[in-house]
Every structure is written in structure tokens, then in C-alpha cells.
Amino acid sequence: RRMWKYMGAHSVFWREPGNWYVGVTSRVELRKKQHEKRLGRSLRLHNAYKARSANAAAKIEADLLAKGLQGAGGGWTAESRYVYVFKVRGPMSR
């Protein structure tokens, strides 16, 4: 719920899920840098939340993917307790 509110607060007119990317990681800053390198730009809007467990993080990710966010899903380990989102396109993404 906190991530959904964060996305709404950083969307100009409406919360368009397809403008956002969600993922799960154990190392937030490293994963952010990997995304920045892949995209060729810094991530202006990026936020991460620590879940109770890796399973809880995976469930949050799956729920947000089902709402239409971009993301690969899966690929996490037992240490992956952080769920992160960043804006990939639309107003305020750059």
C-alpha cells in the first residue's frame, strides 16, 4: 500500500502503472546502479521498502505486477527482502 501511495504522489495526473517498474533485491543501491547503467540515465524517482521476508517481498512484487507495473518477476533469493519501484517513463521520470 505504501508503494502504491508513493507512485500516486509522484504521478502528475493519474497513477499509470505501466510507467513504473517493480523488482525485488537484497542490495538496493547495487540494483539501482545496474538499472541506471542499463537505461543509460539516473533514476530520478526510486524508492525501496523492506518486507518482513523474501516471500512477502515476492508477493508484493507479484501484486504490483498484476496491477500493470513493468518488471521481470522472480530471480530473488532468501535474502531478497527489499521491494523497489522506479518511474521508467512519463512526467518526472527524467
N, C-alpha and C. Protein backbone atom coordinates (compact mmCIF):
# COMPACT_ATOMS: atom_id res chain seq x y z
N ARG A 1 0.83 -1.20 0.00
CA ARG A 1 0.00 0.00 0.00
C ARG A 1 0.87 1.26 0.00
N ARG A 2 1.98 1.24 0.76
CA ARG A 2 2.85 2.42 0.80
C ARG A 2 3.45 2.69 -0.57
N MET A 3 3.80 1.64 -1.30
CA MET A 3 4.39 1.84 -2.64
C MET A 3 3.36 2.44 -3.58
N TRP A 4 2.12 1.98 -3.49
CA TRP A 4 1.05 2.50 -4.35
C TRP A 4 0.84 3.98 -4.06
N LYS A 5 0.89 4.39 -2.79
CA LYS A 5 0.76 5.80 -2.42
C LYS A 5 1.94 6.61 -2.94
N TYR A 6 3.15 6.05 -2.84
CA TYR A 6 4.34 6.73 -3.35
C TYR A 6 4.19 6.99 -4.85
N MET A 7 3.73 5.99 -5.58
CA MET A 7 3.56 6.15 -7.03
C MET A 7 2.51 7.23 -7.33
N GLY A 8 1.43 7.25 -6.57
CA GLY A 8 0.40 8.26 -6.78
C GLY A 8 0.91 9.66 -6.49
N ALA A 9 1.73 9.80 -5.47
CA ALA A 9 2.28 11.11 -5.10
C ALA A 9 3.27 11.62 -6.14
N HIS A 10 3.83 10.72 -6.96
CA HIS A 10 4.82 11.10 -7.96
C HIS A 10 4.31 10.91 -9.38
N SER A 11 3.00 11.00 -9.54
CA SER A 11 2.38 10.96 -10.86
C SER A 11 1.62 12.27 -11.03
N VAL A 12 1.73 12.88 -12.20
CA VAL A 12 1.19 14.22 -12.40
C VAL A 12 -0.34 14.23 -12.34
N PHE A 13 -0.99 13.44 -13.18
CA PHE A 13 -2.45 13.49 -13.23
C PHE A 13 -3.10 12.23 -12.67
N TRP A 14 -2.51 11.09 -12.97
CA TRP A 14 -3.06 9.82 -12.50
C TRP A 14 -1.93 8.82 -12.37
N ARG A 15 -2.20 7.79 -11.65
CA ARG A 15 -1.20 6.75 -11.42
C ARG A 15 -1.30 5.75 -12.57
N GLU A 16 -0.37 5.83 -13.49
CA GLU A 16 -0.34 4.91 -14.63
C GLU A 16 0.66 3.80 -14.32
N PRO A 17 0.19 2.60 -13.96
CA PRO A 17 1.11 1.54 -13.55
C PRO A 17 2.18 1.21 -14.58
N GLY A 18 1.86 1.30 -15.86
CA GLY A 18 2.84 0.96 -16.90
C GLY A 18 4.03 1.89 -16.96
N ASN A 19 3.95 3.02 -16.27
CA ASN A 19 5.06 3.98 -16.21
C ASN A 19 6.07 3.61 -15.14
N TRP A 20 5.79 2.56 -14.35
CA TRP A 20 6.62 2.19 -13.21
C TRP A 20 7.17 0.79 -13.37
N TYR A 21 8.30 0.55 -12.75
CA TYR A 21 8.96 -0.75 -12.74
C TYR A 21 9.07 -1.21 -11.29
N VAL A 22 8.83 -2.49 -11.04
CA VAL A 22 8.95 -3.05 -9.70
C VAL A 22 9.91 -4.23 -9.72
N GLY A 23 10.65 -4.38 -8.64
CA GLY A 23 11.58 -5.51 -8.52
C GLY A 23 11.84 -5.83 -7.07
N VAL A 24 12.53 -6.94 -6.84
CA VAL A 24 12.91 -7.40 -5.51
C VAL A 24 14.42 -7.63 -5.51
N THR A 25 15.08 -7.22 -4.42
CA THR A 25 16.53 -7.36 -4.34
C THR A 25 16.98 -7.47 -2.88
N SER A 26 18.22 -7.86 -2.70
CA SER A 26 18.81 -7.84 -1.36
C SER A 26 19.75 -6.64 -1.22
N ARG A 27 20.12 -6.02 -2.35
CA ARG A 27 21.07 -4.90 -2.34
C ARG A 27 20.53 -3.76 -3.19
N VAL A 28 19.82 -2.86 -2.55
CA VAL A 28 19.09 -1.80 -3.24
C VAL A 28 19.99 -0.92 -4.09
N GLU A 29 21.06 -0.39 -3.51
CA GLU A 29 21.91 0.55 -4.25
C GLU A 29 22.60 -0.12 -5.45
N LEU A 30 23.06 -1.34 -5.27
CA LEU A 30 23.68 -2.06 -6.39
C LEU A 30 22.67 -2.27 -7.50
N ARG A 31 21.46 -2.69 -7.15
CA ARG A 31 20.43 -2.94 -8.17
C ARG A 31 20.04 -1.65 -8.87
N LYS A 32 19.97 -0.55 -8.12
CA LYS A 32 19.66 0.74 -8.72
C LYS A 32 20.72 1.11 -9.76
N LYS A 33 21.98 0.95 -9.39
CA LYS A 33 23.08 1.26 -10.33
C LYS A 33 23.02 0.38 -11.57
N GLN A 34 22.65 -0.88 -11.41
CA GLN A 34 22.52 -1.78 -12.56
C GLN A 34 21.42 -1.29 -13.50
N HIS A 35 20.29 -0.86 -12.95
CA HIS A 35 19.21 -0.33 -13.78
C HIS A 35 19.64 0.97 -14.46
N GLU A 36 20.33 1.83 -13.74
CA GLU A 36 20.79 3.09 -14.33
C GLU A 36 21.74 2.83 -15.50
N LYS A 37 22.61 1.86 -15.35
CA LYS A 37 23.54 1.52 -16.43
C LYS A 37 22.78 0.98 -17.64
N ARG A 38 21.81 0.11 -17.39
CA ARG A 38 21.02 -0.47 -18.48
C ARG A 38 20.21 0.60 -19.21
N LEU A 39 19.64 1.55 -18.45
CA LEU A 39 18.82 2.61 -19.04
C LEU A 39 19.63 3.77 -19.59
N GLY A 40 20.88 3.89 -19.14
CA GLY A 40 21.73 4.99 -19.59
C GLY A 40 21.36 6.33 -18.98
N ARG A 41 20.76 6.33 -17.81
CA ARG A 41 20.39 7.57 -17.13
C ARG A 41 20.20 7.29 -15.64
N SER A 42 20.21 8.35 -14.87
CA SER A 42 19.97 8.18 -13.43
C SER A 42 18.47 8.02 -13.20
N LEU A 43 18.14 7.33 -12.13
CA LEU A 43 16.73 7.13 -11.77
C LEU A 43 16.33 8.24 -10.82
N ARG A 44 15.51 9.13 -11.31
CA ARG A 44 15.10 10.28 -10.51
C ARG A 44 14.13 9.87 -9.41
N LEU A 45 13.17 9.04 -9.73
CA LEU A 45 12.19 8.60 -8.75
C LEU A 45 12.40 7.12 -8.48
N HIS A 46 12.94 6.83 -7.32
CA HIS A 46 13.27 5.46 -6.94
C HIS A 46 13.00 5.34 -5.45
N ASN A 47 12.30 4.28 -5.04
CA ASN A 47 12.03 4.08 -3.63
C ASN A 47 12.02 2.59 -3.33
N ALA A 48 12.47 2.22 -2.15
CA ALA A 48 12.52 0.81 -1.74
C ALA A 48 11.94 0.65 -0.34
N TYR A 49 11.34 -0.50 -0.12
CA TYR A 49 10.75 -0.83 1.16
C TYR A 49 11.23 -2.21 1.59
N LYS A 50 11.52 -2.37 2.86
CA LYS A 50 11.96 -3.66 3.39
C LYS A 50 10.74 -4.46 3.83
N ALA A 51 10.57 -5.62 3.24
CA ALA A 51 9.46 -6.51 3.60
C ALA A 51 9.85 -7.39 4.77
N ARG A 52 8.89 -8.06 5.38
CA ARG A 52 9.14 -8.95 6.52
C ARG A 52 10.00 -10.14 6.13
N SER A 53 9.88 -10.59 4.87
CA SER A 53 10.62 -11.77 4.42
C SER A 53 10.73 -11.71 2.90
N ALA A 54 11.53 -12.60 2.35
CA ALA A 54 11.66 -12.69 0.89
C ALA A 54 10.33 -13.11 0.27
N ASN A 55 9.62 -14.01 0.92
CA ASN A 55 8.31 -14.43 0.40
C ASN A 55 7.32 -13.28 0.38
N ALA A 56 7.34 -12.46 1.44
CA ALA A 56 6.46 -11.29 1.49
C ALA A 56 6.83 -10.31 0.38
N ALA A 57 8.13 -10.10 0.16
CA ALA A 57 8.59 -9.21 -0.91
C ALA A 57 8.14 -9.72 -2.27
N ALA A 58 8.25 -11.02 -2.48
CA ALA A 58 7.83 -11.61 -3.76
C ALA A 58 6.33 -11.45 -3.97
N LYS A 59 5.54 -11.55 -2.90
CA LYS A 59 4.09 -11.38 -3.01
C LYS A 59 3.75 -9.94 -3.36
N ILE A 60 4.42 -8.98 -2.71
CA ILE A 60 4.19 -7.57 -3.03
C ILE A 60 4.53 -7.31 -4.50
N GLU A 61 5.67 -7.84 -4.94
CA GLU A 61 6.07 -7.67 -6.34
C GLU A 61 5.01 -8.26 -7.27
N ALA A 62 4.56 -9.47 -6.98
CA ALA A 62 3.54 -10.13 -7.83
C ALA A 62 2.25 -9.32 -7.86
N ASP A 63 1.84 -8.77 -6.72
CA ASP A 63 0.63 -7.95 -6.67
C ASP A 63 0.77 -6.70 -7.54
N LEU A 64 1.93 -6.05 -7.47
CA LEU A 64 2.14 -4.84 -8.28
C LEU A 64 2.28 -5.17 -9.76
N LEU A 65 2.90 -6.30 -10.09
CA LEU A 65 2.96 -6.72 -11.50
C LEU A 65 1.55 -6.98 -12.03
N ALA A 66 0.70 -7.56 -11.19
CA ALA A 66 -0.69 -7.83 -11.60
C ALA A 66 -1.47 -6.54 -11.83
N LYS A 67 -1.05 -5.45 -11.18
CA LYS A 67 -1.71 -4.15 -11.38
C LYS A 67 -1.21 -3.46 -12.65
N GLY A 68 -0.19 -4.04 -13.29
CA GLY A 68 0.27 -3.49 -14.56
C GLY A 68 1.64 -2.85 -14.54
N LEU A 69 2.37 -2.92 -13.41
CA LEU A 69 3.72 -2.38 -13.39
C LEU A 69 4.63 -3.23 -14.26
N GLN A 70 5.67 -2.61 -14.79
CA GLN A 70 6.68 -3.35 -15.53
C GLN A 70 7.58 -4.08 -14.55
N GLY A 71 8.22 -5.14 -14.99
CA GLY A 71 9.14 -5.87 -14.14
C GLY A 71 9.29 -7.29 -14.64
N ALA A 72 10.37 -7.92 -14.24
CA ALA A 72 10.64 -9.28 -14.70
C ALA A 72 9.98 -10.33 -13.82
N GLY A 73 9.87 -10.06 -12.52
CA GLY A 73 9.33 -11.05 -11.59
C GLY A 73 10.32 -12.19 -11.39
N GLY A 74 10.36 -12.71 -10.18
CA GLY A 74 11.26 -13.83 -9.90
C GLY A 74 12.70 -13.39 -9.80
N GLY A 75 13.61 -14.36 -9.73
CA GLY A 75 15.03 -14.08 -9.67
C GLY A 75 15.53 -13.67 -8.30
N TRP A 76 14.69 -13.75 -7.30
CA TRP A 76 15.08 -13.34 -5.96
C TRP A 76 15.60 -14.53 -5.17
N THR A 77 16.28 -14.21 -4.05
CA THR A 77 16.81 -15.25 -3.16
C THR A 77 16.20 -15.06 -1.77
N ALA A 78 16.57 -15.91 -0.83
CA ALA A 78 16.06 -15.83 0.54
C ALA A 78 16.48 -14.52 1.22
N GLU A 79 17.52 -13.87 0.73
CA GLU A 79 17.98 -12.60 1.30
C GLU A 79 17.29 -11.39 0.67
N SER A 80 16.54 -11.60 -0.38
CA SER A 80 15.91 -10.51 -1.13
C SER A 80 14.64 -10.04 -0.42
N ARG A 81 14.80 -9.07 0.47
CA ARG A 81 13.66 -8.59 1.25
C ARG A 81 13.22 -7.18 0.87
N TYR A 82 13.92 -6.56 -0.08
CA TYR A 82 13.58 -5.19 -0.47
C TYR A 82 12.78 -5.20 -1.77
N VAL A 83 11.65 -4.51 -1.74
CA VAL A 83 10.85 -4.30 -2.94
C VAL A 83 11.10 -2.86 -3.35
N TYR A 84 11.41 -2.64 -4.63
CA TYR A 84 11.70 -1.28 -5.08
C TYR A 84 10.84 -0.94 -6.30
N VAL A 85 10.58 0.33 -6.47
CA VAL A 85 9.89 0.83 -7.66
C VAL A 85 10.68 2.02 -8.18
N PHE A 86 10.61 2.20 -9.49
CA PHE A 86 11.13 3.43 -10.08
C PHE A 86 10.31 3.77 -11.30
N LYS A 87 10.27 5.06 -11.62
CA LYS A 87 9.49 5.54 -12.75
C LYS A 87 10.33 5.40 -14.00
N VAL A 88 9.81 4.68 -14.99
CA VAL A 88 10.56 4.45 -16.22
C VAL A 88 10.17 5.40 -17.34
N ARG A 89 8.95 5.93 -17.29
CA ARG A 89 8.55 6.88 -18.35
C ARG A 89 7.42 7.76 -17.82
N GLY A 90 7.13 8.78 -18.59
CA GLY A 90 6.09 9.72 -18.19
C GLY A 90 6.68 10.94 -17.52
N PRO A 91 5.82 11.88 -17.14
CA PRO A 91 6.29 13.10 -16.47
C PRO A 91 7.10 12.76 -15.22
N MET A 92 8.13 13.50 -15.00
CA MET A 92 9.01 13.40 -13.84
C MET A 92 9.87 12.14 -13.84
N SER A 93 9.97 11.41 -14.95
CA SER A 93 10.80 10.22 -14.96
C SER A 93 12.26 10.54 -15.25
N ARG A 94 12.55 11.69 -15.76
CA ARG A 94 13.93 12.07 -16.08
C ARG A 94 14.36 13.26 -15.29
